[in-house]
C-alpha atoms as a PDB file:
ATOM      1  CA  UNK A   1     -22.694   3.077  -6.841  1.00  0.00           C
ATOM      2  CA  UNK A   2     -22.782   3.541 -10.664  1.00  0.00           C
ATOM      3  CA  UNK A   3     -23.951   6.022 -13.338  1.00  0.00           C
ATOM      4  CA  UNK A   4     -27.598   5.963 -14.164  1.00  0.00           C
ATOM      5  CA  UNK A   5     -26.730   5.262 -17.800  1.00  0.00           C
ATOM      6  CA  UNK A   6     -24.245   2.475 -17.272  1.00  0.00           C
ATOM      7  CA  UNK A   7     -26.525  -0.170 -18.874  1.00  0.00           C
ATOM      8  CA  UNK A   8     -27.894   2.047 -21.769  1.00  0.00           C
ATOM      9  CA  UNK A   9     -24.344   3.176 -22.834  1.00  0.00           C
ATOM     10  CA  UNK A  10     -23.315  -0.467 -22.940  1.00  0.00           C
ATOM     11  CA  UNK A  11     -26.292  -1.460 -25.053  1.00  0.00           C
ATOM     12  CA  UNK A  12     -25.979   1.582 -27.368  1.00  0.00           C
ATOM     13  CA  UNK A  13     -22.297   0.936 -27.918  1.00  0.00           C
ATOM     14  CA  UNK A  14     -22.890  -2.703 -28.662  1.00  0.00           C
ATOM     15  CA  UNK A  15     -20.888  -3.887 -25.684  1.00  0.00           C
ATOM     16  CA  UNK A  16     -23.756  -5.787 -24.007  1.00  0.00           C
ATOM     17  CA  UNK A  17     -26.924  -7.412 -25.251  1.00  0.00           C
ATOM     18  CA  UNK A  18     -29.443  -8.516 -22.598  1.00  0.00           C
ATOM     19  CA  UNK A  19     -30.427 -11.319 -24.772  1.00  0.00           C
ATOM     20  CA  UNK A  20     -26.915 -12.850 -24.261  1.00  0.00           C
ATOM     21  CA  UNK A  21     -27.066 -12.865 -20.482  1.00  0.00           C
ATOM     22  CA  UNK A  22     -27.009 -10.640 -17.415  1.00  0.00           C
ATOM     23  CA  UNK A  23     -24.887  -7.479 -17.404  1.00  0.00           C
ATOM     24  CA  UNK A  24     -21.365  -7.854 -16.110  1.00  0.00           C
ATOM     25  CA  UNK A  25     -19.461  -4.517 -15.961  1.00  0.00           C
ATOM     26  CA  UNK A  26     -15.942  -5.855 -16.487  1.00  0.00           C
ATOM     27  CA  UNK A  27     -16.971  -7.705 -19.783  1.00  0.00           C
ATOM     28  CA  UNK A  28     -18.886  -4.694 -21.000  1.00  0.00           C
ATOM     29  CA  UNK A  29     -16.367  -1.991 -20.303  1.00  0.00           C
ATOM     30  CA  UNK A  30     -12.981  -3.721 -19.971  1.00  0.00           C
ATOM     31  CA  UNK A  31     -13.098  -7.189 -21.567  1.00  0.00           C
ATOM     32  CA  UNK A  32      -9.431  -7.363 -22.133  1.00  0.00           C
ATOM     33  CA  UNK A  33      -8.862  -6.936 -18.435  1.00  0.00           C
ATOM     34  CA  UNK A  34     -10.089 -10.505 -17.909  1.00  0.00           C
ATOM     35  CA  UNK A  35      -7.319 -11.852 -20.067  1.00  0.00           C
ATOM     36  CA  UNK A  36      -4.522 -10.694 -17.818  1.00  0.00           C
ATOM     37  CA  UNK A  37      -3.414 -11.524 -14.309  1.00  0.00           C
ATOM     38  CA  UNK A  38      -2.211  -7.991 -13.763  1.00  0.00           C
ATOM     39  CA  UNK A  39      -5.514  -7.224 -12.070  1.00  0.00           C
ATOM     40  CA  UNK A  40      -7.034 -10.646 -11.497  1.00  0.00           C
ATOM     41  CA  UNK A  41      -4.150 -11.914  -9.282  1.00  0.00           C
ATOM     42  CA  UNK A  42      -4.496  -8.835  -7.145  1.00  0.00           C
ATOM     43  CA  UNK A  43      -8.273  -9.365  -6.745  1.00  0.00           C
ATOM     44  CA  UNK A  44      -7.682 -13.017  -5.732  1.00  0.00           C
ATOM     45  CA  UNK A  45      -4.916 -12.092  -3.111  1.00  0.00           C
ATOM     46  CA  UNK A  46      -7.029  -9.372  -1.443  1.00  0.00           C
ATOM     47  CA  UNK A  47     -10.006 -11.722  -1.111  1.00  0.00           C
ATOM     48  CA  UNK A  48      -7.695 -14.533   0.024  1.00  0.00           C
ATOM     49  CA  UNK A  49      -6.205 -12.387   2.755  1.00  0.00           C
ATOM     50  CA  UNK A  50      -9.567 -11.239   4.174  1.00  0.00           C
ATOM     51  CA  UNK A  51     -11.676 -14.401   3.536  1.00  0.00           C
ATOM     52  CA  UNK A  52      -9.267 -17.350   3.224  1.00  0.00           C
ATOM     53  CA  UNK A  53     -12.162 -19.675   4.046  1.00  0.00           C
ATOM     54  CA  UNK A  54     -13.518 -19.200   0.685  1.00  0.00           C
ATOM     55  CA  UNK A  55     -10.465 -20.919  -0.897  1.00  0.00           C
ATOM     56  CA  UNK A  56     -10.938 -18.954  -4.017  1.00  0.00           C
ATOM     57  CA  UNK A  57      -9.064 -20.287  -7.120  1.00  0.00           C
ATOM     58  CA  UNK A  58      -6.031 -18.005  -7.826  1.00  0.00           C
ATOM     59  CA  UNK A  59      -6.270 -18.473 -11.653  1.00  0.00           C
ATOM     60  CA  UNK A  60      -9.971 -17.746 -11.976  1.00  0.00           C
ATOM     61  CA  UNK A  61     -11.163 -15.429 -14.726  1.00  0.00           C
ATOM     62  CA  UNK A  62     -13.513 -13.681 -12.418  1.00  0.00           C
ATOM     63  CA  UNK A  63     -14.236 -13.107  -8.794  1.00  0.00           C
ATOM     64  CA  UNK A  64     -17.124 -11.962  -6.708  1.00  0.00           C
ATOM     65  CA  UNK A  65     -17.794  -8.249  -6.664  1.00  0.00           C
ATOM     66  CA  UNK A  66     -17.322  -8.392  -2.876  1.00  0.00           C
ATOM     67  CA  UNK A  67     -16.839 -10.951  -0.111  1.00  0.00           C
ATOM     68  CA  UNK A  68     -17.696 -11.240   3.591  1.00  0.00           C
ATOM     69  CA  UNK A  69     -14.386 -11.044   5.517  1.00  0.00           C
ATOM     70  CA  UNK A  70     -13.811 -13.883   7.865  1.00  0.00           C
ATOM     71  CA  UNK A  71     -12.863 -11.484  10.667  1.00  0.00           C
ATOM     72  CA  UNK A  72     -13.088  -7.691  11.143  1.00  0.00           C
ATOM     73  CA  UNK A  73     -10.910  -5.667   8.764  1.00  0.00           C
ATOM     74  CA  UNK A  74      -8.866  -3.337  10.898  1.00  0.00           C
ATOM     75  CA  UNK A  75      -6.649  -0.579   9.839  1.00  0.00           C
ATOM     76  CA  UNK A  76      -3.617  -2.832  10.506  1.00  0.00           C
ATOM     77  CA  UNK A  77      -5.146  -5.402   8.343  1.00  0.00           C
ATOM     78  CA  UNK A  78      -5.491  -2.910   5.563  1.00  0.00           C
ATOM     79  CA  UNK A  79      -1.737  -2.005   5.867  1.00  0.00           C
ATOM     80  CA  UNK A  80      -0.859  -5.614   5.631  1.00  0.00           C
ATOM     81  CA  UNK A  81      -2.886  -6.029   2.450  1.00  0.00           C
ATOM     82  CA  UNK A  82      -1.210  -2.981   0.872  1.00  0.00           C
ATOM     83  CA  UNK A  83       2.202  -4.257   1.813  1.00  0.00           C
ATOM     84  CA  UNK A  84       1.643  -7.641   0.325  1.00  0.00           C
ATOM     85  CA  UNK A  85       3.827  -9.145  -2.509  1.00  0.00           C
ATOM     86  CA  UNK A  86       2.456 -12.749  -2.508  1.00  0.00           C
ATOM     87  CA  UNK A  87       4.992 -13.893   0.069  1.00  0.00           C
ATOM     88  CA  UNK A  88       4.270 -17.523   1.105  1.00  0.00           C
ATOM     89  CA  UNK A  89       2.307 -18.214  -2.096  1.00  0.00           C
ATOM     90  CA  UNK A  90       3.296 -20.008  -5.351  1.00  0.00           C
ATOM     91  CA  UNK A  91       3.153 -16.533  -6.970  1.00  0.00           C
ATOM     92  CA  UNK A  92       6.066 -15.041  -5.092  1.00  0.00           C
ATOM     93  CA  UNK A  93       8.242 -14.731  -8.174  1.00  0.00           C
ATOM     94  CA  UNK A  94      11.504 -14.597  -6.150  1.00  0.00           C
ATOM     95  CA  UNK A  95      10.861 -17.955  -4.472  1.00  0.00           C
ATOM     96  CA  UNK A  96      13.378 -19.626  -6.634  1.00  0.00           C
ATOM     97  CA  UNK A  97      16.231 -17.173  -6.040  1.00  0.00           C
ATOM     98  CA  UNK A  98      17.764 -19.200  -3.170  1.00  0.00           C
ATOM     99  CA  UNK A  99      21.073 -19.737  -1.287  1.00  0.00           C
ATOM    100  CA  UNK A 100      22.210 -22.122   1.369  1.00  0.00           C
ATOM    101  CA  UNK A 101      22.719 -20.339   4.717  1.00  0.00           C
ATOM    102  CA  UNK A 102      25.299 -21.017   7.360  1.00  0.00           C
ATOM    103  CA  UNK A 103      23.010 -23.731   8.942  1.00  0.00           C
ATOM    104  CA  UNK A 104      22.902 -25.572   5.691  1.00  0.00           C
ATOM    105  CA  UNK A 105      19.267 -24.712   5.005  1.00  0.00           C
ATOM    106  CA  UNK A 106      18.228 -23.672   1.429  1.00  0.00           C
ATOM    107  CA  UNK A 107      16.059 -20.617   1.515  1.00  0.00           C
ATOM    108  CA  UNK A 108      15.194 -17.491  -0.406  1.00  0.00           C
ATOM    109  CA  UNK A 109      18.334 -15.331  -0.624  1.00  0.00           C
ATOM    110  CA  UNK A 110      18.327 -12.131   1.498  1.00  0.00           C
ATOM    111  CA  UNK A 111      19.421 -10.479  -1.803  1.00  0.00           C
ATOM    112  CA  UNK A 112      16.259 -11.650  -3.677  1.00  0.00           C
ATOM    113  CA  UNK A 113      14.454  -8.490  -4.512  1.00  0.00           C
ATOM    114  CA  UNK A 114      10.666  -8.595  -4.964  1.00  0.00           C
ATOM    115  CA  UNK A 115      10.730  -5.073  -6.252  1.00  0.00           C
ATOM    116  CA  UNK A 116      13.538  -5.375  -8.820  1.00  0.00           C
ATOM    117  CA  UNK A 117      13.254  -3.118 -11.837  1.00  0.00           C
ATOM    118  CA  UNK A 118      12.045  -4.846 -14.944  1.00  0.00           C
ATOM    119  CA  UNK A 119      15.558  -4.735 -16.512  1.00  0.00           C
ATOM    120  CA  UNK A 120      16.719  -7.164 -13.845  1.00  0.00           C
ATOM    121  CA  UNK A 121      14.057  -9.848 -14.495  1.00  0.00           C
ATOM    122  CA  UNK A 122      15.860 -11.450 -17.460  1.00  0.00           C
ATOM    123  CA  UNK A 123      18.957 -12.033 -15.281  1.00  0.00           C
ATOM    124  CA  UNK A 124      16.927 -14.336 -13.017  1.00  0.00           C
ATOM    125  CA  UNK A 125      14.676 -15.718 -15.672  1.00  0.00           C
ATOM    126  CA  UNK A 126      11.703 -14.156 -14.006  1.00  0.00           C
ATOM    127  CA  UNK A 127       8.303 -15.173 -15.454  1.00  0.00           C
ATOM    128  CA  UNK A 128       4.809 -15.345 -14.069  1.00  0.00           C
ATOM    129  CA  UNK A 129       1.220 -14.318 -14.437  1.00  0.00           C
ATOM    130  CA  UNK A 130       2.359 -11.022 -15.954  1.00  0.00           C
ATOM    131  CA  UNK A 131       4.781 -12.650 -18.318  1.00  0.00           C
ATOM    132  CA  UNK A 132       8.377 -11.371 -18.320  1.00  0.00           C
ATOM    133  CA  UNK A 133       7.284  -8.765 -15.593  1.00  0.00           C
ATOM    134  CA  UNK A 134       6.705 -11.656 -13.084  1.00  0.00           C
ATOM    135  CA  UNK A 135       3.662 -10.786 -11.013  1.00  0.00           C
ATOM    136  CA  UNK A 136       1.954  -7.533 -10.420  1.00  0.00           C
ATOM    137  CA  UNK A 137       1.996  -7.599  -6.664  1.00  0.00           C
ATOM    138  CA  UNK A 138      -0.108  -5.382  -4.475  1.00  0.00           C
ATOM    139  CA  UNK A 139       2.902  -3.494  -3.093  1.00  0.00           C
ATOM    140  CA  UNK A 140       4.883  -1.923  -5.953  1.00  0.00           C
ATOM    141  CA  UNK A 141       8.240  -0.136  -5.976  1.00  0.00           C
ATOM    142  CA  UNK A 142       7.071   2.577  -8.325  1.00  0.00           C
ATOM    143  CA  UNK A 143       4.220   3.744  -6.028  1.00  0.00           C
ATOM    144  CA  UNK A 144       4.332   7.415  -5.546  1.00  0.00           C
ATOM    145  CA  UNK A 145       1.900   7.377  -2.634  1.00  0.00           C
ATOM    146  CA  UNK A 146      -0.872   5.227  -1.144  1.00  0.00           C
ATOM    147  CA  UNK A 147      -3.916   6.072   0.925  1.00  0.00           C
ATOM    148  CA  UNK A 148      -6.360   4.404   3.270  1.00  0.00           C
ATOM    149  CA  UNK A 149      -9.380   6.692   3.906  1.00  0.00           C
ATOM    150  CA  UNK A 150     -11.909   6.678   6.654  1.00  0.00           C
ATOM    151  CA  UNK A 151     -15.291   8.500   6.299  1.00  0.00           C
ATOM    152  CA  UNK A 152     -17.300   8.174   9.453  1.00  0.00           C
ATOM    153  CA  UNK A 153     -20.592  10.025   9.754  1.00  0.00           C
ATOM    154  CA  UNK A 154     -20.887   9.211  13.537  1.00  0.00           C
ATOM    155  CA  UNK A 155     -18.103  11.885  14.107  1.00  0.00           C
ATOM    156  CA  UNK A 156     -18.109  15.533  13.203  1.00  0.00           C
ATOM    157  CA  UNK A 157     -17.020  16.091   9.648  1.00  0.00           C
ATOM    158  CA  UNK A 158     -13.708  17.794  10.792  1.00  0.00           C
ATOM    159  CA  UNK A 159     -12.827  14.634  12.596  1.00  0.00           C
ATOM    160  CA  UNK A 160     -14.612  11.813  10.777  1.00  0.00           C
ATOM    161  CA  UNK A 161     -12.750  12.186   7.581  1.00  0.00           C
ATOM    162  CA  UNK A 162      -9.129  11.089   7.673  1.00  0.00           C
ATOM    163  CA  UNK A 163      -6.662   9.978   5.095  1.00  0.00           C
ATOM    164  CA  UNK A 164      -3.847   7.715   6.036  1.00  0.00           C
ATOM    165  CA  UNK A 165      -1.006   8.599   3.678  1.00  0.00           C
ATOM    166  CA  UNK A 166       2.055   6.481   2.950  1.00  0.00           C
ATOM    167  CA  UNK A 167       4.841   7.567   0.506  1.00  0.00           C
ATOM    168  CA  UNK A 168       6.459   5.337  -2.042  1.00  0.00           C
ATOM    169  CA  UNK A 169       6.495   1.588  -1.699  1.00  0.00           C
ATOM    170  CA  UNK A 170       4.103   0.661   1.058  1.00  0.00           C
ATOM    171  CA  UNK A 171       6.102  -2.496   1.903  1.00  0.00           C
ATOM    172  CA  UNK A 172       8.874  -0.216   3.369  1.00  0.00           C
ATOM    173  CA  UNK A 173       6.667   2.748   4.332  1.00  0.00           C
ATOM    174  CA  UNK A 174       4.376   3.924   7.091  1.00  0.00           C
ATOM    175  CA  UNK A 175       0.935   5.635   7.133  1.00  0.00           C
ATOM    176  CA  UNK A 176       0.466   9.109   8.448  1.00  0.00           C
ATOM    177  CA  UNK A 177      -3.014  10.474   9.522  1.00  0.00           C
ATOM    178  CA  UNK A 178      -4.238  13.629   7.734  1.00  0.00           C
ATOM    179  CA  UNK A 179      -7.570  14.864   8.948  1.00  0.00           C
ATOM    180  CA  UNK A 180      -9.784  16.592   6.346  1.00  0.00           C
ATOM    181  CA  UNK A 181      -9.956  19.748   8.430  1.00  0.00           C
ATOM    182  CA  UNK A 182      -6.249  20.453   8.820  1.00  0.00           C
ATOM    183  CA  UNK A 183      -5.060  23.854   7.604  1.00  0.00           C
ATOM    184  CA  UNK A 184      -1.479  23.005   6.849  1.00  0.00           C
ATOM    185  CA  UNK A 185       0.912  20.099   6.290  1.00  0.00           C
ATOM    186  CA  UNK A 186       4.523  19.453   7.192  1.00  0.00           C
ATOM    187  CA  UNK A 187       6.946  21.381   5.038  1.00  0.00           C
ATOM    188  CA  UNK A 188       8.476  18.178   3.649  1.00  0.00           C
ATOM    189  CA  UNK A 189       5.049  17.080   2.424  1.00  0.00           C
ATOM    190  CA  UNK A 190       4.774  20.289   0.388  1.00  0.00           C
ATOM    191  CA  UNK A 191       8.280  20.042  -1.147  1.00  0.00           C
ATOM    192  CA  UNK A 192       8.241  18.671  -4.647  1.00  0.00           C
ATOM    193  CA  UNK A 193       9.874  15.237  -5.077  1.00  0.00           C
ATOM    194  CA  UNK A 194      10.954  13.823  -8.399  1.00  0.00           C
ATOM    195  CA  UNK A 195      10.300  16.905 -10.519  1.00  0.00           C
ATOM    196  CA  UNK A 196      13.028  18.900  -8.879  1.00  0.00           C
ATOM    197  CA  UNK A 197      15.496  16.093  -8.181  1.00  0.00           C
ATOM    198  CA  UNK A 198      16.806  14.526  -5.003  1.00  0.00           C
ATOM    199  CA  UNK A 199      16.271  16.788  -1.958  1.00  0.00           C
ATOM    200  CA  UNK A 200      16.667  16.196   1.783  1.00  0.00           C
ATOM    201  CA  UNK A 201      13.813  18.638   2.268  1.00  0.00           C
ATOM    202  CA  UNK A 202      11.303  16.325   0.539  1.00  0.00           C
ATOM    203  CA  UNK A 203       9.212  13.660   2.334  1.00  0.00           C
ATOM    204  CA  UNK A 204       8.831  11.589  -0.895  1.00  0.00           C
ATOM    205  CA  UNK A 205      12.581  11.350  -1.310  1.00  0.00           C
ATOM    206  CA  UNK A 206      13.062  10.256   2.226  1.00  0.00           C
ATOM    207  CA  UNK A 207      10.834   7.189   1.634  1.00  0.00           C
ATOM    208  CA  UNK A 208      11.815   6.621  -1.933  1.00  0.00           C
ATOM    209  CA  UNK A 209      15.453   6.418  -0.850  1.00  0.00           C
ATOM    210  CA  UNK A 210      14.512   4.103   2.079  1.00  0.00           C
ATOM    211  CA  UNK A 211      12.376   1.786  -0.068  1.00  0.00           C
ATOM    212  CA  UNK A 212      14.971   1.505  -2.787  1.00  0.00           C
ATOM    213  CA  UNK A 213      17.721   0.765  -0.247  1.00  0.00           C
ATOM    214  CA  UNK A 214      15.601  -1.840   1.528  1.00  0.00           C
ATOM    215  CA  UNK A 215      14.710  -3.756  -1.597  1.00  0.00           C
ATOM    216  CA  UNK A 216      18.391  -4.337  -2.417  1.00  0.00           C
ATOM    217  CA  UNK A 217      18.828  -6.677   0.489  1.00  0.00           C
ATOM    218  CA  UNK A 218      15.206  -7.250   1.260  1.00  0.00           C
ATOM    219  CA  UNK A 219      15.408 -10.535   3.127  1.00  0.00           C
ATOM    220  CA  UNK A 220      17.453  -8.650   5.950  1.00  0.00           C
ATOM    221  CA  UNK A 221      16.760  -4.985   5.623  1.00  0.00           C
ATOM    222  CA  UNK A 222      13.057  -5.331   5.773  1.00  0.00           C
ATOM    223  CA  UNK A 223      13.429  -6.535   9.397  1.00  0.00           C
ATOM    224  CA  UNK A 224      15.231  -3.473  10.421  1.00  0.00           C
ATOM    225  CA  UNK A 225      12.667  -1.294   8.640  1.00  0.00           C
ATOM    226  CA  UNK A 226       9.657  -3.102  10.259  1.00  0.00           C
ATOM    227  CA  UNK A 227      11.301  -2.961  13.601  1.00  0.00           C
ATOM    228  CA  UNK A 228      11.008   0.847  13.396  1.00  0.00           C
ATOM    229  CA  UNK A 229       7.717   1.301  11.588  1.00  0.00           C
ATOM    230  CA  UNK A 230       5.536  -1.242  13.274  1.00  0.00           C
ATOM    231  CA  UNK A 231       5.587   0.174  16.737  1.00  0.00           C
ATOM    232  CA  UNK A 232       5.110   3.678  15.426  1.00  0.00           C
ATOM    233  CA  UNK A 233       2.187   2.616  13.252  1.00  0.00           C
ATOM    234  CA  UNK A 234       0.597   0.799  16.143  1.00  0.00           C
ATOM    235  CA  UNK A 235       0.982   3.880  18.351  1.00  0.00           C
ATOM    236  CA  UNK A 236      -0.804   6.012  15.721  1.00  0.00           C
ATOM    237  CA  UNK A 237      -3.605   3.465  15.511  1.00  0.00           C
ATOM    238  CA  UNK A 238      -3.912   3.250  19.294  1.00  0.00           C
ATOM    239  CA  UNK A 239      -3.967   7.036  19.689  1.00  0.00           C
ATOM    240  CA  UNK A 240      -6.613   7.574  17.228  1.00  0.00           C
ATOM    241  CA  UNK A 241      -9.658   7.244  19.513  1.00  0.00           C
ATOM    242  CA  UNK A 242      -8.278   9.584  22.217  1.00  0.00           C
ATOM    243  CA  UNK A 243      -7.093  12.099  19.653  1.00  0.00           C
ATOM    244  CA  UNK A 244     -10.424  12.173  17.935  1.00  0.00           C
ATOM    245  CA  UNK A 245     -12.405  12.410  21.226  1.00  0.00           C
ATOM    246  CA  UNK A 246     -10.279  15.428  22.214  1.00  0.00           C
ATOM    247  CA  UNK A 247     -10.876  17.073  18.822  1.00  0.00           C
ATOM    248  CA  UNK A 248     -14.584  16.456  18.921  1.00  0.00           C
ATOM    249  CA  UNK A 249     -14.764  17.929  22.406  1.00  0.00           C
ATOM    250  CA  UNK A 250     -12.752  20.988  21.278  1.00  0.00           C
ATOM    251  CA  UNK A 251     -15.193  21.461  18.334  1.00  0.00           C
ATOM    252  CA  UNK A 252     -18.075  22.052  20.672  1.00  0.00           C
ATOM    253  CA  UNK A 253     -16.193  24.959  22.207  1.00  0.00           C
ATOM    254  CA  UNK A 254     -13.938  26.441  19.541  1.00  0.00           C
ATOM    255  CA  UNK A 255     -13.771  25.170  15.881  1.00  0.00           C
ATOM    256  CA  UNK A 256     -10.525  27.028  15.127  1.00  0.00           C
ATOM    257  CA  UNK A 257      -8.688  25.465  18.162  1.00  0.00           C
ATOM    258  CA  UNK A 258     -10.036  21.978  17.166  1.00  0.00           C
ATOM    259  CA  UNK A 259      -8.686  22.381  13.646  1.00  0.00           C
ATOM    260  CA  UNK A 260      -5.323  23.692  15.022  1.00  0.00           C
ATOM    261  CA  UNK A 261      -5.137  20.662  17.361  1.00  0.00           C
ATOM    262  CA  UNK A 262      -5.632  18.278  14.371  1.00  0.00           C
ATOM    263  CA  UNK A 263      -3.156  20.249  12.169  1.00  0.00           C
ATOM    264  CA  UNK A 264      -0.513  20.172  14.885  1.00  0.00           C
ATOM    265  CA  UNK A 265      -1.061  16.407  15.387  1.00  0.00           C
ATOM    266  CA  UNK A 266      -0.643  15.705  11.588  1.00  0.00           C
ATOM    267  CA  UNK A 267       2.301  18.048  11.306  1.00  0.00           C
ATOM    268  CA  UNK A 268       4.108  16.674  14.376  1.00  0.00           C
ATOM    269  CA  UNK A 269       3.718  12.980  13.317  1.00  0.00           C
ATOM    270  CA  UNK A 270       4.445  13.630   9.623  1.00  0.00           C
ATOM    271  CA  UNK A 271       7.655  15.410  10.552  1.00  0.00           C
ATOM    272  CA  UNK A 272       8.591  12.715  13.004  1.00  0.00           C
ATOM    273  CA  UNK A 273       8.121   9.952  10.403  1.00  0.00           C
ATOM    274  CA  UNK A 274      10.045  11.699   7.669  1.00  0.00           C
ATOM    275  CA  UNK A 275      12.952  12.285  10.076  1.00  0.00           C
ATOM    276  CA  UNK A 276      12.786   8.570  10.998  1.00  0.00           C
ATOM    277  CA  UNK A 277      12.911   7.575   7.335  1.00  0.00           C
ATOM    278  CA  UNK A 278      16.034   9.655   6.703  1.00  0.00           C
ATOM    279  CA  UNK A 279      17.699   8.157   9.864  1.00  0.00           C
ATOM    280  CA  UNK A 280      16.654   4.651   8.922  1.00  0.00           C
ATOM    281  CA  UNK A 281      18.068   5.022   5.481  1.00  0.00           C
ATOM    282  CA  UNK A 282      21.389   6.196   7.007  1.00  0.00           C
ATOM    283  CA  UNK A 283      21.338   3.289   9.332  1.00  0.00           C
ATOM    284  CA  UNK A 284      20.918   0.768   6.536  1.00  0.00           C
ATOM    285  CA  UNK A 285      23.760   2.358   4.486  1.00  0.00           C
ATOM    286  CA  UNK A 286      26.024   1.903   7.557  1.00  0.00           C
ATOM    287  CA  UNK A 287      24.912  -1.560   8.777  1.00  0.00           C
ATOM    288  CA  UNK A 288      24.944  -3.296   5.289  1.00  0.00           C
ATOM    289  CA  UNK A 289      27.947  -1.436   3.811  1.00  0.00           C
ATOM    290  CA  UNK A 290      29.391  -3.617   1.021  1.00  0.00           C
ATOM    291  CA  UNK A 291      26.659  -6.194   1.559  1.00  0.00           C
ATOM    292  CA  UNK A 292      24.340  -5.150  -1.414  1.00  0.00           C
END
């Protein structure tokens, strides 16, 4: 999809001359973007996660517009992609922050923080494709929210459109389904976050607190976080088909009841996950007291 005048504007502005070669959007409209790994490394990583058989070069200047995945890209795979910070690759910029554990094995320290604020980078001589910032990983600690959207015309509009919403750093968060026909949201979703200061009534603060805590002893705390989130995320994905079938059946009888059903579903799960985030943060404070 593109604007009808995408080629003409580029020509009229002197950004592209057909005589010099075929049109390439990135060089016409954002030529400086190809000089930085801030975007290019992310492009490589996404393609490498969904189509590793291509063995794309991680330092390439350009990548295909799209690739064919080696296997079906599921919702869970999408979550895994958005949670990625280059772990297991040469571009994991905390790979050299190591310690020797009780078994005598040298490994990445549990205190190594892939989401450290920029002010900490000089302490560990962090450098990478993004210079002194290290690497611009897919998961970022300053994420406000992230979405995965599904638009499916095989289903009624009220059911076919759903946004999976995660607050804060996706690596320590979980996705909640919000159907496009809902008439309300959990109270905590409607409570301002940063603008009004810390509040136990705000969903964003629940996840921001949890993500910030988890990063400070990432090697250990992430295991506790994932032990809670993964089963709940899987339950939501597994429930999706039956929930949507029931909603579609209700639509045929009473549209208002169908929308209420989906609204109640979103509200119930949104409230549950926010409460879990607060509980999980309290658990980490207690379990790792004086260890971060």
